[in-house]
Amino acid sequence: MFSFKKKSHGDHLSSLIVTTEGSASATIRQTKSGKPVLEHCGFYPLAPGQEMQTNLKNLVQDRGLDKAACATLLDIGDYQLLMVEAPEVPQTELKAAIRWRIRDLIDFHIDDAVLDVFDTPPSGARAVQEHLYVVVSRSALVKERIETLQSAGTALEVIDIPELALRNIAAQLEQDINGQAMLFFNADQGLITLTRDATLYLARSMDIGYQQLLATPELVDRLALEIQRSMDYYDRHFQQAPITSITLCPLPEVLPQLVGQLEQQTGIPVQQVKLEDIVEVHESVDTEQFAKCVLAIGAALRTEPAQL
């Protein structure tokens, strides 16, 4: 998405994700054949009284990330993901036309916005490219994230979004060929992504995190409804075969009833992501570590070269 270098990062990409609890990192090596290789993933919790910048600098120094091409993600809620009608303009004028088109769709002045675009899949019976996805954020937020990572010593190349990190993970799974709904939860928020053949079709954020699901199990009813609404839109707008699998990202807290309740509510099998299904692993990674690093792994699985 928001890219800073025009060169490729080669076969290695590291990621560094900042959270309120600490920092997560991952390094992925792409191979010419076979699965990508996870060379490292880890979570560095904030120590009592420790500043985030100190936490980041320690991680960067410990992992040698000052020498590595690095990606990061914006936080859920720090950007909007909009689907807009594709303007009929030359490529060189696309972003200017998009800025004009979205000015009334955001709650801040367009002059304070930074944006990037990526294609939506063709829609309708004629399979025509009619829309684009637009990621828009306050320029001050993006600048702050850049300064935070660069002052910690990283060679930052790209700022991405969680939806595309989840798309990268989904693309490694066998069921993605026929389409899947993927669920991700942090403590207070959730994401639903619908992907097919390594392409993001639809994404929806929710104010449901694993803490809310722990405290109020009945929220599974609302979650199932959100999944069904997303699938209905996918069927209607993109006219694809129905999605027949749901994939659940790992959780740092055990929710023993979640899979069964979702299967009962939706009538669709729910599979939990296993690390070895998406990457080749050379070190032991437990479920809690995987859960805290899943977005970092997804960000490091990025293969698109920076283009801006």
Protein backbone atom coordinates (compact mmCIF):
# COMPACT_ATOMS: atom_id res chain seq x y z
CA MET A 1 0.00 0.00 0.00
CA PHE A 2 1.90 3.09 1.22
CA SER A 3 5.33 2.34 -0.24
CA PHE A 4 8.62 4.20 0.03
CA LYS A 5 11.07 2.45 -2.30
CA LYS A 6 10.87 1.45 -5.95
CA LYS A 7 13.12 -1.57 -5.68
CA SER A 8 12.14 -5.10 -4.75
CA HIS A 9 13.01 -6.33 -1.27
CA GLY A 10 14.42 -9.60 -2.66
CA ASP A 11 13.48 -12.96 -1.19
CA HIS A 12 13.40 -11.77 2.46
CA LEU A 13 10.89 -9.47 4.10
CA SER A 14 10.59 -8.68 7.79
CA SER A 15 7.66 -7.05 9.52
CA LEU A 16 7.28 -5.10 12.71
CA ILE A 17 3.81 -4.60 14.20
CA VAL A 18 3.17 -2.22 17.09
CA THR A 19 0.41 -3.02 19.59
CA THR A 20 -0.61 -1.60 22.96
CA GLU A 21 0.87 -4.71 24.61
CA GLY A 22 4.20 -4.78 22.80
CA SER A 23 5.76 -5.43 19.40
CA ALA A 24 5.48 -8.42 17.08
CA SER A 25 7.95 -9.29 14.34
CA ALA A 26 8.35 -11.92 11.66
CA THR A 27 10.79 -12.66 8.86
CA ILE A 28 9.75 -14.62 5.78
CA ARG A 29 11.98 -16.00 3.04
CA GLN A 30 10.26 -16.65 -0.25
CA THR A 31 11.35 -19.75 -2.17
CA LYS A 32 11.18 -20.50 -5.88
CA SER A 33 9.18 -23.63 -5.16
CA GLY A 34 7.36 -24.79 -2.09
CA LYS A 35 6.09 -22.84 0.89
CA PRO A 36 7.59 -19.61 2.14
CA VAL A 37 9.96 -20.16 5.05
CA LEU A 38 9.31 -18.55 8.44
CA GLU A 39 12.79 -17.73 9.65
CA HIS A 40 11.62 -16.06 12.83
CA CYS A 41 8.58 -14.74 14.65
CA GLY A 42 8.35 -13.33 18.12
CA PHE A 43 6.43 -11.03 20.42
CA TYR A 44 8.20 -8.56 22.69
CA PRO A 45 5.84 -7.54 25.51
CA LEU A 46 6.13 -4.10 27.03
CA ALA A 47 7.93 -4.30 30.37
CA PRO A 48 6.37 -2.38 33.29
CA GLY A 49 7.13 1.31 32.78
CA GLN A 50 8.85 0.69 29.44
CA GLU A 51 8.23 3.15 26.60
CA MET A 52 7.15 1.75 23.25
CA GLN A 53 10.09 3.35 21.47
CA THR A 54 12.53 1.54 23.78
CA ASN A 55 10.67 -1.72 23.20
CA LEU A 56 10.91 -1.25 19.44
CA LYS A 57 14.60 -0.36 19.50
CA ASN A 58 15.39 -3.45 21.58
CA LEU A 59 13.52 -5.66 19.12
CA VAL A 60 15.21 -4.07 16.10
CA GLN A 61 18.65 -4.52 17.66
CA ASP A 62 18.01 -8.09 18.84
CA ARG A 63 16.73 -9.23 15.45
CA GLY A 64 19.03 -7.14 13.26
CA LEU A 65 16.08 -5.46 11.58
CA ASP A 66 18.07 -2.31 10.91
CA LYS A 67 19.60 -4.23 8.02
CA ALA A 68 16.36 -5.80 6.76
CA ALA A 69 13.64 -4.61 4.40
CA CYS A 70 10.69 -4.05 6.71
CA ALA A 71 6.91 -3.80 6.43
CA THR A 72 4.35 -2.72 8.99
CA LEU A 73 0.57 -2.37 9.27
CA LEU A 74 -1.79 0.42 10.17
CA ASP A 75 -4.02 -0.34 13.14
CA ILE A 76 -7.64 -1.31 12.56
CA GLY A 77 -9.55 1.94 12.95
CA ASP A 78 -6.70 4.17 11.72
CA TYR A 79 -7.88 4.00 8.11
CA GLN A 80 -10.95 3.41 5.97
CA LEU A 81 -11.22 0.79 3.25
CA LEU A 82 -13.68 2.08 0.65
CA MET A 83 -15.03 0.54 -2.53
CA VAL A 84 -15.61 3.26 -5.14
CA GLU A 85 -16.54 3.37 -8.79
CA ALA A 86 -13.43 3.33 -10.96
CA PRO A 87 -13.02 6.71 -12.70
CA GLU A 88 -12.42 6.66 -16.44
CA VAL A 89 -9.14 8.58 -16.40
CA PRO A 90 -5.53 7.85 -17.41
CA GLN A 91 -3.47 5.98 -14.80
CA THR A 92 -1.42 9.12 -14.10
CA GLU A 93 -4.59 10.96 -13.06
CA LEU A 94 -6.17 8.12 -11.08
CA LYS A 95 -5.28 9.18 -7.55
CA ALA A 96 -6.30 12.79 -8.15
CA ALA A 97 -9.67 11.59 -9.46
CA ILE A 98 -10.08 9.24 -6.49
CA ARG A 99 -9.32 12.05 -4.03
CA TRP A 100 -12.13 14.10 -5.54
CA ARG A 101 -14.49 11.13 -5.47
CA ILE A 102 -13.99 10.20 -1.81
CA ARG A 103 -13.92 13.71 -0.31
CA ASP A 104 -17.48 13.35 1.03
CA LEU A 105 -16.97 9.75 2.23
CA ILE A 106 -14.46 10.55 4.97
CA ASP A 107 -14.88 12.48 8.22
CA PHE A 108 -11.85 14.75 7.78
CA HIS A 109 -10.64 17.16 5.09
CA ILE A 110 -9.32 15.54 1.95
CA ASP A 111 -6.21 17.75 2.13
CA ASP A 112 -5.31 15.90 5.34
CA ALA A 113 -5.66 12.47 3.69
CA VAL A 114 -3.15 10.03 2.25
CA LEU A 115 -4.52 7.24 0.07
CA ASP A 116 -3.65 4.29 -2.08
CA VAL A 117 -5.73 2.07 -4.35
CA PHE A 118 -5.88 -1.56 -5.42
CA ASP A 119 -8.17 -3.45 -7.77
CA THR A 120 -11.40 -5.11 -6.77
CA PRO A 121 -12.25 -8.33 -8.60
CA PRO A 122 -14.52 -7.99 -11.65
CA SER A 123 -18.21 -8.00 -10.75
CA GLY A 124 -21.54 -8.85 -12.31
CA ALA A 125 -22.46 -11.30 -15.00
CA ARG A 126 -20.16 -9.57 -17.51
CA ALA A 127 -17.21 -9.76 -15.09
CA VAL A 128 -16.37 -6.08 -15.62
CA GLN A 129 -13.83 -4.14 -13.56
CA GLU A 130 -16.17 -1.44 -12.24
CA HIS A 131 -14.73 -0.53 -8.85
CA LEU A 132 -11.51 0.05 -6.93
CA TYR A 133 -10.60 -0.37 -3.30
CA VAL A 134 -9.27 2.80 -1.69
CA VAL A 135 -7.31 2.83 1.55
CA VAL A 136 -7.45 6.30 3.09
CA SER A 137 -5.93 7.51 6.34
CA ARG A 138 -5.04 10.77 8.00
CA SER A 139 -1.60 11.79 6.75
CA ALA A 140 -0.59 12.65 10.34
CA LEU A 141 -1.23 9.04 11.45
CA VAL A 142 0.82 7.61 8.59
CA LYS A 143 3.62 10.10 9.23
CA GLU A 144 3.63 9.18 12.92
CA ARG A 145 3.89 5.47 12.09
CA ILE A 146 6.77 6.13 9.68
CA GLU A 147 8.65 8.21 12.25
CA THR A 148 8.07 5.61 14.98
CA LEU A 149 9.50 2.76 12.92
CA GLN A 150 12.34 4.70 11.33
CA SER A 151 13.48 6.23 14.64
CA ALA A 152 13.68 2.67 16.00
CA GLY A 153 16.21 1.96 13.23
CA THR A 154 14.15 -0.01 10.70
CA ALA A 155 14.58 0.09 6.94
CA LEU A 156 10.85 0.64 6.44
CA GLU A 157 9.62 -0.07 2.91
CA VAL A 158 5.86 -0.31 3.09
CA ILE A 159 2.87 0.32 5.35
CA ASP A 160 0.10 -2.16 4.64
CA ILE A 161 -3.30 -2.93 6.18
CA PRO A 162 -4.46 -5.99 8.15
CA GLU A 163 -6.95 -7.03 5.45
CA LEU A 164 -4.12 -7.58 2.97
CA ALA A 165 -2.00 -9.35 5.58
CA LEU A 166 -4.89 -11.79 6.07
CA ARG A 167 -5.20 -12.12 2.28
CA ASN A 168 -1.53 -13.14 2.19
CA ILE A 169 -2.18 -15.86 4.77
CA ALA A 170 -5.36 -17.05 3.05
CA ALA A 171 -3.48 -17.38 -0.24
CA GLN A 172 -1.26 -20.10 1.27
CA LEU A 173 -4.22 -22.33 2.20
CA GLU A 174 -5.65 -25.02 -0.06
CA GLN A 175 -9.26 -23.93 0.50
CA ASP A 176 -8.54 -20.49 -0.96
CA ILE A 177 -8.80 -21.92 -4.47
CA ASN A 178 -12.56 -22.25 -3.97
CA GLY A 179 -12.92 -19.25 -1.67
CA GLN A 180 -12.94 -18.83 2.11
CA ALA A 181 -14.06 -16.49 4.84
CA MET A 182 -11.24 -15.72 7.27
CA LEU A 183 -11.80 -14.42 10.81
CA PHE A 184 -9.25 -12.48 12.84
CA PHE A 185 -9.72 -11.11 16.36
CA ASN A 186 -7.57 -8.94 18.54
CA ALA A 187 -8.67 -8.05 22.06
CA ASP A 188 -11.39 -5.59 21.07
CA GLN A 189 -11.85 -5.78 17.29
CA GLY A 190 -12.38 -8.30 14.55
CA LEU A 191 -12.06 -8.63 10.79
CA ILE A 192 -13.89 -10.78 8.26
CA THR A 193 -12.18 -11.19 4.90
CA LEU A 194 -13.56 -13.06 1.90
CA THR A 195 -10.88 -14.24 -0.48
CA ARG A 196 -10.68 -16.49 -3.50
CA ASP A 197 -7.59 -17.55 -5.42
CA ALA A 198 -5.31 -15.07 -3.58
CA THR A 199 -7.67 -12.16 -4.25
CA LEU A 200 -9.40 -10.05 -1.62
CA TYR A 201 -13.08 -9.74 -2.52
CA LEU A 202 -14.57 -8.25 0.60
CA ALA A 203 -13.54 -7.15 4.09
CA ARG A 204 -15.57 -6.04 7.08
CA SER A 205 -14.38 -4.82 10.48
CA MET A 206 -16.32 -5.36 13.71
CA ASP A 207 -16.23 -4.07 17.27
CA ILE A 208 -16.08 -7.67 18.48
CA GLY A 209 -12.80 -8.97 19.86
CA TYR A 210 -11.90 -12.12 21.72
CA GLN A 211 -12.39 -10.34 25.05
CA GLN A 212 -16.01 -9.57 24.12
CA LEU A 213 -16.55 -13.14 22.96
CA LEU A 214 -15.15 -14.43 26.24
CA ALA A 215 -17.37 -12.14 28.31
CA THR A 216 -20.51 -12.46 26.15
CA PRO A 217 -20.67 -15.78 24.26
CA GLU A 218 -24.03 -14.75 22.78
CA LEU A 219 -22.11 -12.38 20.48
CA VAL A 220 -21.46 -15.42 18.29
CA ASP A 221 -25.01 -14.92 16.98
CA ARG A 222 -24.10 -11.43 15.76
CA LEU A 223 -20.80 -12.68 14.37
CA ALA A 224 -22.57 -15.40 12.39
CA LEU A 225 -24.98 -12.79 11.03
CA GLU A 226 -22.10 -10.57 9.90
CA ILE A 227 -20.49 -13.54 8.14
CA GLN A 228 -23.75 -14.40 6.40
CA ARG A 229 -24.31 -10.81 5.27
CA SER A 230 -20.79 -10.67 3.88
CA MET A 231 -21.30 -13.92 1.99
CA ASP A 232 -24.65 -12.76 0.63
CA TYR A 233 -23.04 -9.59 -0.73
CA TYR A 234 -20.18 -11.63 -2.20
CA ASP A 235 -22.63 -13.96 -3.97
CA ARG A 236 -24.78 -11.12 -5.25
CA HIS A 237 -22.15 -8.57 -6.27
CA PHE A 238 -19.36 -10.78 -7.59
CA GLN A 239 -21.57 -13.66 -8.75
CA GLN A 240 -19.14 -16.32 -7.58
CA ALA A 241 -19.89 -19.81 -6.36
CA PRO A 242 -20.83 -19.75 -2.67
CA ILE A 243 -18.00 -19.89 -0.14
CA THR A 244 -18.06 -23.19 1.71
CA SER A 245 -15.35 -22.81 4.37
CA ILE A 246 -14.57 -20.50 7.27
CA THR A 247 -11.00 -20.16 8.53
CA LEU A 248 -10.27 -18.93 12.05
CA CYS A 249 -6.96 -17.27 12.91
CA PRO A 250 -5.38 -18.38 16.19
CA LEU A 251 -6.45 -16.68 19.42
CA PRO A 252 -4.30 -15.94 22.48
CA GLU A 253 -7.27 -16.90 24.66
CA VAL A 254 -9.03 -20.26 24.49
CA LEU A 255 -12.64 -20.04 23.27
CA PRO A 256 -13.60 -23.73 23.29
CA GLN A 257 -17.17 -23.24 22.07
CA LEU A 258 -16.50 -20.77 19.25
CA VAL A 259 -15.86 -23.21 16.40
CA GLY A 260 -18.86 -25.39 17.21
CA GLN A 261 -21.17 -22.41 17.68
CA LEU A 262 -20.11 -20.85 14.39
CA GLU A 263 -20.60 -24.12 12.52
CA GLN A 264 -24.03 -24.51 14.05
CA GLN A 265 -25.05 -20.91 13.29
CA THR A 266 -23.72 -20.76 9.73
CA GLY A 267 -23.93 -24.38 8.59
CA ILE A 268 -20.37 -24.02 7.25
CA PRO A 269 -17.28 -25.96 8.42
CA VAL A 270 -14.81 -23.90 10.46
CA GLN A 271 -11.09 -24.68 10.29
CA GLN A 272 -8.41 -23.18 12.51
CA VAL A 273 -5.25 -21.95 10.81
CA LYS A 274 -2.17 -24.05 11.51
CA LEU A 275 1.19 -22.39 11.08
CA GLU A 276 2.63 -25.32 9.14
CA ASP A 277 -0.19 -24.98 6.59
CA ILE A 278 1.02 -21.54 5.49
CA VAL A 279 4.80 -21.58 5.98
CA GLU A 280 7.71 -23.93 6.42
CA VAL A 281 8.73 -23.72 10.07
CA HIS A 282 12.25 -24.26 11.42
CA GLU A 283 11.61 -23.30 15.05
CA SER A 284 9.00 -24.14 17.65
CA VAL A 285 6.09 -21.67 17.74
CA ASP A 286 3.31 -22.25 20.24
CA THR A 287 -0.32 -21.22 19.69
CA GLU A 288 -0.12 -18.08 21.82
CA GLN A 289 3.00 -16.88 20.03
CA PHE A 290 1.40 -17.62 16.65
CA ALA A 291 -1.72 -15.70 17.68
CA LYS A 292 0.27 -12.65 18.72
CA CYS A 293 2.38 -12.76 15.55
CA VAL A 294 -0.23 -13.77 12.96
CA LEU A 295 -0.57 -10.28 11.43
CA ALA A 296 3.21 -9.87 11.46
CA ILE A 297 3.52 -13.14 9.54
CA GLY A 298 0.85 -12.00 7.10
CA ALA A 299 2.61 -8.68 6.55
CA ALA A 300 5.94 -10.44 5.93
CA LEU A 301 4.27 -12.74 3.36
CA ARG A 302 3.73 -9.74 1.10
CA THR A 303 5.18 -10.33 -2.38
CA GLU A 304 4.08 -7.21 -4.30
CA PRO A 305 6.99 -4.89 -5.03
CA ALA A 306 6.84 -1.31 -3.79
CA GLN A 307 5.72 0.94 -6.64
CA LEU A 308 5.32 4.53 -5.46
